[in-house]
Protein backbone atom coordinates (compact mmCIF):
# COMPACT_ATOMS: atom_id res chain seq x y z
CA MET A 1 32.99 84.29 61.35
CA ASN A 2 34.04 80.72 62.04
CA ILE A 3 34.08 78.91 58.73
CA ASN A 4 34.21 75.20 58.79
CA GLU A 5 36.27 74.24 55.75
CA GLU A 6 34.75 70.81 55.29
CA GLN A 7 31.12 72.14 55.29
CA LEU A 8 32.21 75.05 52.94
CA ASN A 9 33.74 72.55 50.55
CA GLN A 10 30.67 70.31 50.68
CA LEU A 11 28.36 73.41 49.98
CA LEU A 12 30.68 74.46 47.04
CA GLY A 13 30.64 70.87 45.58
CA LYS A 14 26.85 70.90 45.65
CA PHE A 15 26.76 74.27 43.87
CA VAL A 16 29.21 73.33 41.19
CA GLY A 17 27.20 70.09 40.67
CA ASP A 18 23.89 71.97 40.40
CA LEU A 19 25.42 74.52 38.12
CA GLY A 20 26.76 71.77 35.72
CA ALA A 21 23.33 70.18 35.61
CA THR A 22 21.77 73.52 34.83
CA ILE A 23 24.23 74.30 32.02
CA HIS A 24 23.97 70.83 30.50
CA SER A 25 20.23 70.50 30.61
CA GLY A 26 19.71 72.52 27.51
CA SER A 27 22.21 70.40 25.59
CA VAL A 28 20.37 67.27 26.61
CA VAL A 29 17.14 68.68 25.28
CA ILE A 30 18.82 69.54 22.02
CA GLY A 31 20.14 65.99 21.70
CA ALA A 32 16.73 64.50 22.33
CA GLU A 33 14.71 66.74 20.26
CA LEU A 34 16.90 66.62 17.31
CA GLY A 35 17.24 62.87 17.50
CA LEU A 36 21.10 63.18 17.89
CA TYR A 37 21.32 60.49 20.68
CA LYS A 38 19.01 58.05 18.90
CA ALA A 39 20.90 58.50 15.70
CA MET A 40 24.11 57.73 17.50
CA ALA A 41 22.74 54.61 19.13
CA ALA A 42 21.08 53.46 15.84
CA ALA A 43 24.45 53.79 13.97
CA GLY A 44 25.80 50.81 16.02
CA GLU A 45 29.35 52.18 15.65
CA PRO A 46 31.16 55.51 16.41
CA VAL A 47 30.26 58.39 14.28
CA SER A 48 31.89 61.54 13.15
CA SER A 49 30.28 64.94 13.47
CA GLU A 50 29.74 64.90 9.65
CA GLN A 51 28.10 61.58 9.78
CA LEU A 52 25.77 62.51 12.63
CA ALA A 53 24.89 65.77 10.97
CA ALA A 54 24.00 63.93 7.73
CA LYS A 55 21.92 61.19 9.73
CA THR A 56 19.95 63.96 11.44
CA ASP A 57 19.87 66.67 8.71
CA THR A 58 21.42 69.10 10.92
CA ASN A 59 24.35 71.51 10.60
CA GLU A 60 27.72 69.91 11.14
CA ARG A 61 29.50 72.73 12.93
CA TYR A 62 26.69 72.81 15.68
CA VAL A 63 26.67 69.03 15.82
CA ARG A 64 30.50 69.17 16.36
CA GLU A 65 30.13 71.69 19.07
CA TRP A 66 27.37 69.69 20.73
CA LEU A 67 29.35 66.47 20.49
CA ASN A 68 32.42 68.10 22.13
CA ALA A 69 30.29 69.43 24.86
CA GLN A 70 28.59 66.07 25.51
CA ALA A 71 31.98 64.24 25.62
CA ALA A 72 33.29 66.91 27.99
CA SER A 73 30.46 66.27 30.27
CA GLY A 74 30.61 62.53 30.03
CA TYR A 75 27.30 62.02 28.29
CA VAL A 76 28.85 60.67 25.19
CA GLU A 77 32.22 59.13 24.51
CA TYR A 78 35.02 60.36 22.23
CA ASP A 79 37.60 58.11 20.64
CA ALA A 80 40.66 60.22 19.91
CA ASP A 81 42.26 57.90 17.51
CA SER A 82 39.27 57.78 15.20
CA GLY A 83 37.95 61.33 15.89
CA LYS A 84 34.49 59.72 16.40
CA TYR A 85 31.89 59.67 19.13
CA TYR A 86 29.69 56.86 20.51
CA LEU A 87 27.33 55.98 23.25
CA THR A 88 27.96 53.24 25.75
CA ASP A 89 25.05 50.79 26.46
CA GLU A 90 24.48 52.63 29.66
CA GLN A 91 24.34 56.05 27.94
CA ALA A 92 22.14 54.82 25.21
CA PHE A 93 19.80 53.29 27.73
CA VAL A 94 19.25 56.49 29.77
CA LEU A 95 19.39 58.79 26.67
CA THR A 96 17.37 57.00 23.99
CA ASP A 97 14.74 54.64 25.71
CA GLU A 98 11.72 56.83 26.30
CA ASN A 99 9.98 53.87 27.97
CA SER A 100 12.71 53.42 30.58
CA ALA A 101 12.17 54.77 34.21
CA ALA A 102 15.80 55.95 33.83
CA TYR A 103 15.14 58.12 30.65
CA LEU A 104 17.04 61.24 31.48
CA PRO A 105 15.84 63.65 28.83
CA GLY A 106 12.27 63.17 30.17
CA ALA A 107 13.31 65.15 33.17
CA PHE A 108 14.06 68.23 31.05
CA ILE A 109 11.36 68.21 28.40
């Protein structure tokens, strides 16, 4: 077998990207269906998991775990100094505006 290392790395990179998209798709649906993204955007300032759970009438522990996963994937931002989470304008645009051609949750729902 004659393995081309560059082609192998390209294939592995594609696979890892596809796997990440598959894993995160469920969390995007959860954020859209529970109104988590919209509540974050409507807050107009960074929110804690407690604040977001209260705004959406959801369980704080699950919201905290969801927020941490979203921050790790780059779908939301985390401010370590305050311990709060927020959406950039770009994140809010693609995660909350259902009329936008760039509305990402629509691809999963």
